[in-house]
Amino acid sequence: MNGFLGCLMYVGYIVCAIVSGLLAWNWADPDGFWSFIWFMVLWGIIGSIASFVWNFLCVILGSILGKDD
């Protein structure tokens, strides 16, 4: 089950990066240099929050699945 959880973690991190980028792009709507910088800052903030939440969920899932060992 460890291989499945590892793959799930990597796929989740990729999804977090894509979804947070899309959310930041729609929120900042960059059309110039400073709005692009704002987009990059938002993407970093939203992406780190999403990664933290995803990591927390994977730890909980790993602890639930690891009880059978």
N, C-alpha and C. Protein backbone atom coordinates (compact mmCIF):
# COMPACT_ATOMS: atom_id res chain seq x y z
N MET A 1 0.82 -1.20 0.00
CA MET A 1 0.00 0.00 0.00
C MET A 1 0.86 1.25 0.00
N ASN A 2 2.13 1.14 0.39
CA ASN A 2 3.00 2.31 0.43
C ASN A 2 3.25 2.87 -0.97
N GLY A 3 3.35 2.00 -1.98
CA GLY A 3 3.54 2.48 -3.34
C GLY A 3 2.34 3.25 -3.85
N PHE A 4 1.15 2.78 -3.51
CA PHE A 4 -0.06 3.47 -3.91
C PHE A 4 -0.15 4.85 -3.27
N LEU A 5 0.18 4.91 -2.00
CA LEU A 5 0.11 6.20 -1.29
C LEU A 5 1.17 7.17 -1.82
N GLY A 6 2.33 6.65 -2.17
CA GLY A 6 3.38 7.51 -2.74
C GLY A 6 2.97 8.08 -4.08
N CYS A 7 2.38 7.25 -4.94
CA CYS A 7 1.90 7.73 -6.24
C CYS A 7 0.76 8.73 -6.05
N LEU A 8 -0.11 8.45 -5.11
CA LEU A 8 -1.22 9.36 -4.84
C LEU A 8 -0.71 10.72 -4.35
N MET A 9 0.35 10.70 -3.55
CA MET A 9 0.92 11.96 -3.06
C MET A 9 1.48 12.78 -4.22
N TYR A 10 2.24 12.15 -5.11
CA TYR A 10 2.83 12.88 -6.23
C TYR A 10 1.77 13.41 -7.19
N VAL A 11 0.78 12.61 -7.48
CA VAL A 11 -0.31 13.08 -8.35
C VAL A 11 -1.05 14.23 -7.69
N GLY A 12 -1.27 14.14 -6.40
CA GLY A 12 -1.95 15.21 -5.67
C GLY A 12 -1.16 16.50 -5.67
N TYR A 13 0.18 16.42 -5.54
CA TYR A 13 1.00 17.63 -5.58
C TYR A 13 0.95 18.29 -6.96
N ILE A 14 0.93 17.48 -8.00
CA ILE A 14 0.82 18.04 -9.35
C ILE A 14 -0.53 18.70 -9.54
N VAL A 15 -1.58 18.06 -9.08
CA VAL A 15 -2.92 18.64 -9.18
C VAL A 15 -3.01 19.92 -8.36
N CYS A 16 -2.40 19.95 -7.18
CA CYS A 16 -2.40 21.16 -6.35
C CYS A 16 -1.72 22.31 -7.08
N ALA A 17 -0.59 22.02 -7.73
CA ALA A 17 0.13 23.08 -8.45
C ALA A 17 -0.69 23.61 -9.61
N ILE A 18 -1.33 22.73 -10.36
CA ILE A 18 -2.12 23.16 -11.51
C ILE A 18 -3.36 23.95 -11.08
N VAL A 19 -4.08 23.42 -10.11
CA VAL A 19 -5.32 24.08 -9.66
C VAL A 19 -5.01 25.42 -8.99
N SER A 20 -3.95 25.47 -8.19
CA SER A 20 -3.62 26.74 -7.56
C SER A 20 -3.13 27.76 -8.59
N GLY A 21 -2.44 27.31 -9.63
CA GLY A 21 -2.04 28.21 -10.71
C GLY A 21 -3.23 28.77 -11.46
N LEU A 22 -4.20 27.91 -11.75
CA LEU A 22 -5.41 28.38 -12.44
C LEU A 22 -6.20 29.35 -11.57
N LEU A 23 -6.30 29.03 -10.29
CA LEU A 23 -7.03 29.92 -9.38
C LEU A 23 -6.33 31.28 -9.26
N ALA A 24 -5.01 31.26 -9.14
CA ALA A 24 -4.27 32.52 -9.05
C ALA A 24 -4.35 33.31 -10.35
N TRP A 25 -4.32 32.61 -11.49
CA TRP A 25 -4.42 33.29 -12.78
C TRP A 25 -5.77 33.99 -12.93
N ASN A 26 -6.83 33.29 -12.56
CA ASN A 26 -8.16 33.90 -12.66
C ASN A 26 -8.35 35.03 -11.66
N TRP A 27 -7.71 34.94 -10.53
CA TRP A 27 -7.85 35.96 -9.51
C TRP A 27 -7.03 37.20 -9.86
N ALA A 28 -5.78 37.02 -10.31
CA ALA A 28 -4.91 38.17 -10.60
C ALA A 28 -5.16 38.74 -11.99
N ASP A 29 -5.52 37.91 -12.95
CA ASP A 29 -5.75 38.31 -14.35
C ASP A 29 -4.62 39.21 -14.86
N PRO A 30 -3.41 38.63 -14.98
CA PRO A 30 -2.24 39.45 -15.32
C PRO A 30 -2.31 40.01 -16.75
N ASP A 31 -2.05 41.30 -16.86
CA ASP A 31 -1.98 41.94 -18.17
C ASP A 31 -0.76 42.84 -18.30
N GLY A 32 0.05 42.87 -17.25
CA GLY A 32 1.28 43.66 -17.26
C GLY A 32 2.30 43.03 -16.33
N PHE A 33 3.43 43.71 -16.21
CA PHE A 33 4.52 43.16 -15.41
C PHE A 33 4.15 43.02 -13.94
N TRP A 34 3.61 44.07 -13.34
CA TRP A 34 3.32 44.01 -11.91
C TRP A 34 2.15 43.09 -11.60
N SER A 35 1.20 42.98 -12.49
CA SER A 35 0.12 42.02 -12.25
C SER A 35 0.63 40.59 -12.40
N PHE A 36 1.64 40.38 -13.25
CA PHE A 36 2.25 39.06 -13.36
C PHE A 36 3.03 38.71 -12.08
N ILE A 37 3.71 39.70 -11.52
CA ILE A 37 4.40 39.49 -10.26
C ILE A 37 3.39 39.15 -9.17
N TRP A 38 2.26 39.84 -9.15
CA TRP A 38 1.19 39.55 -8.19
C TRP A 38 0.66 38.13 -8.39
N PHE A 39 0.53 37.71 -9.65
CA PHE A 39 0.11 36.34 -9.96
C PHE A 39 1.10 35.33 -9.39
N MET A 40 2.39 35.57 -9.54
CA MET A 40 3.40 34.65 -9.04
C MET A 40 3.36 34.56 -7.51
N VAL A 41 3.15 35.69 -6.84
CA VAL A 41 3.04 35.70 -5.38
C VAL A 41 1.80 34.92 -4.95
N LEU A 42 0.68 35.18 -5.60
CA LEU A 42 -0.55 34.45 -5.28
C LEU A 42 -0.40 32.96 -5.50
N TRP A 43 0.23 32.60 -6.60
CA TRP A 43 0.42 31.19 -6.92
C TRP A 43 1.26 30.50 -5.84
N GLY A 44 2.27 31.19 -5.37
CA GLY A 44 3.09 30.63 -4.30
C GLY A 44 2.32 30.46 -3.01
N ILE A 45 1.53 31.45 -2.65
CA ILE A 45 0.76 31.38 -1.41
C ILE A 45 -0.31 30.31 -1.48
N ILE A 46 -1.09 30.34 -2.55
CA ILE A 46 -2.17 29.36 -2.70
C ILE A 46 -1.61 27.95 -2.85
N GLY A 47 -0.52 27.82 -3.60
CA GLY A 47 0.10 26.52 -3.78
C GLY A 47 0.65 25.94 -2.50
N SER A 48 1.25 26.78 -1.67
CA SER A 48 1.79 26.28 -0.40
C SER A 48 0.67 25.88 0.56
N ILE A 49 -0.42 26.63 0.56
CA ILE A 49 -1.56 26.25 1.41
C ILE A 49 -2.17 24.95 0.92
N ALA A 50 -2.34 24.81 -0.40
CA ALA A 50 -2.91 23.58 -0.95
C ALA A 50 -1.99 22.39 -0.70
N SER A 51 -0.69 22.58 -0.82
CA SER A 51 0.25 21.49 -0.55
C SER A 51 0.24 21.08 0.91
N PHE A 52 0.12 22.05 1.81
CA PHE A 52 0.04 21.75 3.23
C PHE A 52 -1.21 20.92 3.53
N VAL A 53 -2.34 21.33 2.98
CA VAL A 53 -3.59 20.59 3.21
C VAL A 53 -3.49 19.19 2.62
N TRP A 54 -2.92 19.07 1.41
CA TRP A 54 -2.78 17.76 0.77
C TRP A 54 -1.84 16.87 1.58
N ASN A 55 -0.74 17.43 2.09
CA ASN A 55 0.18 16.66 2.91
C ASN A 55 -0.50 16.18 4.18
N PHE A 56 -1.30 17.03 4.80
CA PHE A 56 -2.04 16.65 6.01
C PHE A 56 -3.02 15.52 5.71
N LEU A 57 -3.72 15.59 4.59
CA LEU A 57 -4.66 14.53 4.22
C LEU A 57 -3.93 13.22 3.93
N CYS A 58 -2.76 13.30 3.32
CA CYS A 58 -1.99 12.08 3.03
C CYS A 58 -1.47 11.44 4.31
N VAL A 59 -1.09 12.25 5.30
CA VAL A 59 -0.65 11.71 6.58
C VAL A 59 -1.81 11.00 7.27
N ILE A 60 -2.97 11.60 7.24
CA ILE A 60 -4.14 10.96 7.84
C ILE A 60 -4.48 9.66 7.12
N LEU A 61 -4.45 9.69 5.80
CA LEU A 61 -4.74 8.49 5.01
C LEU A 61 -3.68 7.41 5.26
N GLY A 62 -2.44 7.81 5.37
CA GLY A 62 -1.38 6.84 5.64
C GLY A 62 -1.50 6.21 7.02
N SER A 63 -1.94 7.00 7.98
CA SER A 63 -2.12 6.44 9.32
C SER A 63 -3.31 5.47 9.37
N ILE A 64 -4.34 5.77 8.59
CA ILE A 64 -5.50 4.88 8.54
C ILE A 64 -5.14 3.58 7.83
N LEU A 65 -4.45 3.68 6.72
CA LEU A 65 -4.09 2.49 5.94
C LEU A 65 -2.96 1.70 6.59
N GLY A 66 -2.16 2.32 7.41
CA GLY A 66 -1.03 1.65 8.04
C GLY A 66 -1.39 0.85 9.27
N LYS A 67 -2.62 0.94 9.73
CA LYS A 67 -3.03 0.22 10.94
C LYS A 67 -3.13 -1.28 10.72
N ASP A 68 -3.25 -1.73 9.49
CA ASP A 68 -3.38 -3.16 9.21
C ASP A 68 -2.05 -3.90 9.30
N ASP A 69 -0.94 -3.17 9.30
CA ASP A 69 0.38 -3.83 9.31
C ASP A 69 0.71 -4.44 10.64
